[in-house]
Amino acid sequence: MKKLISWVEIPAADMQRAVTFYEKVLDFKLEILDFGSEKMACFPSGEGAISMAPSFKPGSTGVLVSLNTEDDLDGCLKKVEEAGGNITIPKTKIEAEGRGYFAVFIDSEGNRLGLYGD
């Protein structure tokens, strides 16, 4: 089976603030592409982007996308708080055998996202 998630767009109200947040939390650089009324910063993995457009509204409800932490969930959670995010569900063991842990946070733009790892 191919990866289940092929593309994710995380809405931003302030593009630079959102890019700074995710660069700090995920330890990679993002380039902002400016298309006039739309801006995008694609993730290096090619699976999604931070996007700012008139129709994109950040929010704390709706679809929950979880990001893989490469087995450093604790480190990522610390970085979320350092970058100005808010942990809403702390590191929690997934009940299914061998599935690891998850956490949920609110990013710099008010979006609710998950983290997955060990």
Protein backbone atom coordinates (compact mmCIF):
# COMPACT_ATOMS: atom_id res chain seq x y z
CA MET A 1 0.00 0.00 0.00
CA LYS A 2 1.23 3.51 -0.80
CA LYS A 3 1.30 6.16 1.91
CA LEU A 4 -2.26 6.91 2.94
CA ILE A 5 -1.75 10.67 3.11
CA SER A 6 -0.52 12.19 -0.15
CA TRP A 7 -0.80 15.92 0.58
CA VAL A 8 -1.66 18.10 3.58
CA GLU A 9 -2.02 21.86 3.67
CA ILE A 10 -1.78 23.60 7.04
CA PRO A 11 -3.50 27.00 6.82
CA ALA A 12 -1.68 30.12 8.02
CA ALA A 13 -2.88 33.64 8.81
CA ASP A 14 0.70 34.93 9.16
CA MET A 15 2.98 33.03 6.78
CA GLN A 16 6.32 34.04 8.28
CA ARG A 17 5.16 33.24 11.82
CA ALA A 18 3.90 29.81 10.71
CA VAL A 19 7.10 29.02 8.79
CA THR A 20 9.24 30.05 11.79
CA PHE A 21 7.12 27.83 14.06
CA TYR A 22 7.45 24.71 11.88
CA GLU A 23 11.13 25.28 11.13
CA LYS A 24 11.81 25.31 14.87
CA VAL A 25 9.57 22.35 15.73
CA LEU A 26 10.61 20.06 12.86
CA ASP A 27 14.26 21.14 12.40
CA PHE A 28 14.21 21.91 8.69
CA LYS A 29 14.14 25.02 6.54
CA LEU A 30 11.13 26.07 4.49
CA GLU A 31 11.09 28.36 1.49
CA ILE A 32 8.08 30.63 1.08
CA LEU A 33 6.76 30.65 -2.48
CA ASP A 34 4.75 33.79 -3.26
CA PHE A 35 1.94 33.52 -5.79
CA GLY A 36 0.36 36.91 -5.15
CA SER A 37 -2.74 36.33 -3.03
CA GLU A 38 -1.52 32.81 -2.20
CA LYS A 39 1.69 31.76 -0.45
CA MET A 40 3.03 28.27 0.17
CA ALA A 41 5.99 26.69 1.96
CA CYS A 42 6.32 23.04 0.92
CA PHE A 43 7.61 20.40 3.32
CA PRO A 44 10.87 18.78 2.17
CA SER A 45 9.19 15.35 2.18
CA GLY A 46 6.79 16.46 -0.56
CA GLU A 47 3.73 15.49 1.49
CA GLY A 48 2.29 18.92 2.12
CA ALA A 49 2.77 22.59 2.82
CA ILE A 50 1.93 25.53 4.97
CA SER A 51 -0.47 27.57 2.85
CA MET A 52 -1.93 31.04 3.04
CA ALA A 53 -4.81 31.96 0.74
CA PRO A 54 -8.02 33.97 1.11
CA SER A 55 -10.10 30.77 1.45
CA PHE A 56 -7.77 29.04 3.96
CA LYS A 57 -8.72 29.71 7.58
CA PRO A 58 -6.65 28.28 10.45
CA GLY A 59 -8.70 26.65 13.18
CA SER A 60 -8.58 24.34 16.17
CA THR A 61 -11.31 21.95 14.97
CA GLY A 62 -11.78 19.83 11.89
CA VAL A 63 -9.43 17.34 10.29
CA LEU A 64 -6.63 16.12 12.55
CA VAL A 65 -3.36 15.51 10.73
CA SER A 66 -0.57 13.81 12.67
CA LEU A 67 3.07 14.40 11.85
CA ASN A 68 5.69 11.66 12.28
CA THR A 69 8.32 12.72 14.82
CA GLU A 70 11.02 10.23 13.73
CA ASP A 71 11.02 8.65 17.22
CA ASP A 72 11.53 11.98 19.04
CA LEU A 73 8.04 12.76 20.28
CA ASP A 74 9.31 14.19 23.59
CA GLY A 75 11.77 16.47 21.79
CA CYS A 76 9.12 17.70 19.35
CA LEU A 77 6.68 18.44 22.18
CA LYS A 78 9.33 20.54 23.92
CA LYS A 79 9.95 22.44 20.68
CA VAL A 80 6.22 23.03 20.18
CA GLU A 81 6.08 24.87 23.50
CA GLU A 82 9.36 26.72 22.86
CA ALA A 83 8.02 27.89 19.49
CA GLY A 84 4.82 29.25 21.07
CA GLY A 85 2.49 26.31 20.49
CA ASN A 86 0.18 24.76 23.09
CA ILE A 87 0.02 21.06 23.97
CA THR A 88 -3.66 20.07 24.32
CA ILE A 89 -3.17 16.30 24.72
CA PRO A 90 0.19 15.28 26.21
CA LYS A 91 2.17 12.24 25.10
CA THR A 92 -0.30 9.37 25.36
CA LYS A 93 0.17 5.64 24.75
CA ILE A 94 -1.92 4.35 21.85
CA GLU A 95 -3.93 1.40 23.16
CA ALA A 96 -3.36 -0.80 20.09
CA GLU A 97 -0.30 -3.04 20.50
CA GLY A 98 2.89 -1.72 18.91
CA ARG A 99 1.40 1.61 17.80
CA GLY A 100 3.56 3.93 19.92
CA TYR A 101 2.41 7.29 21.27
CA PHE A 102 0.59 10.40 20.13
CA ALA A 103 0.07 13.97 21.29
CA VAL A 104 -2.03 16.88 20.04
CA PHE A 105 -1.07 20.55 19.91
CA ILE A 106 -2.24 23.94 18.67
CA ASP A 107 0.28 25.61 16.35
CA SER A 108 1.18 29.30 15.99
CA GLU A 109 -1.81 29.84 13.66
CA GLY A 110 -4.46 28.17 15.83
CA ASN A 111 -4.52 24.84 13.93
CA ARG A 112 -4.91 21.55 15.82
CA LEU A 113 -2.36 18.92 14.77
CA GLY A 114 -1.12 15.61 16.10
CA LEU A 115 2.34 14.19 16.59
CA TYR A 116 3.07 10.48 16.35
CA GLY A 117 6.13 8.54 17.51
CA ASP A 118 7.84 6.79 20.38
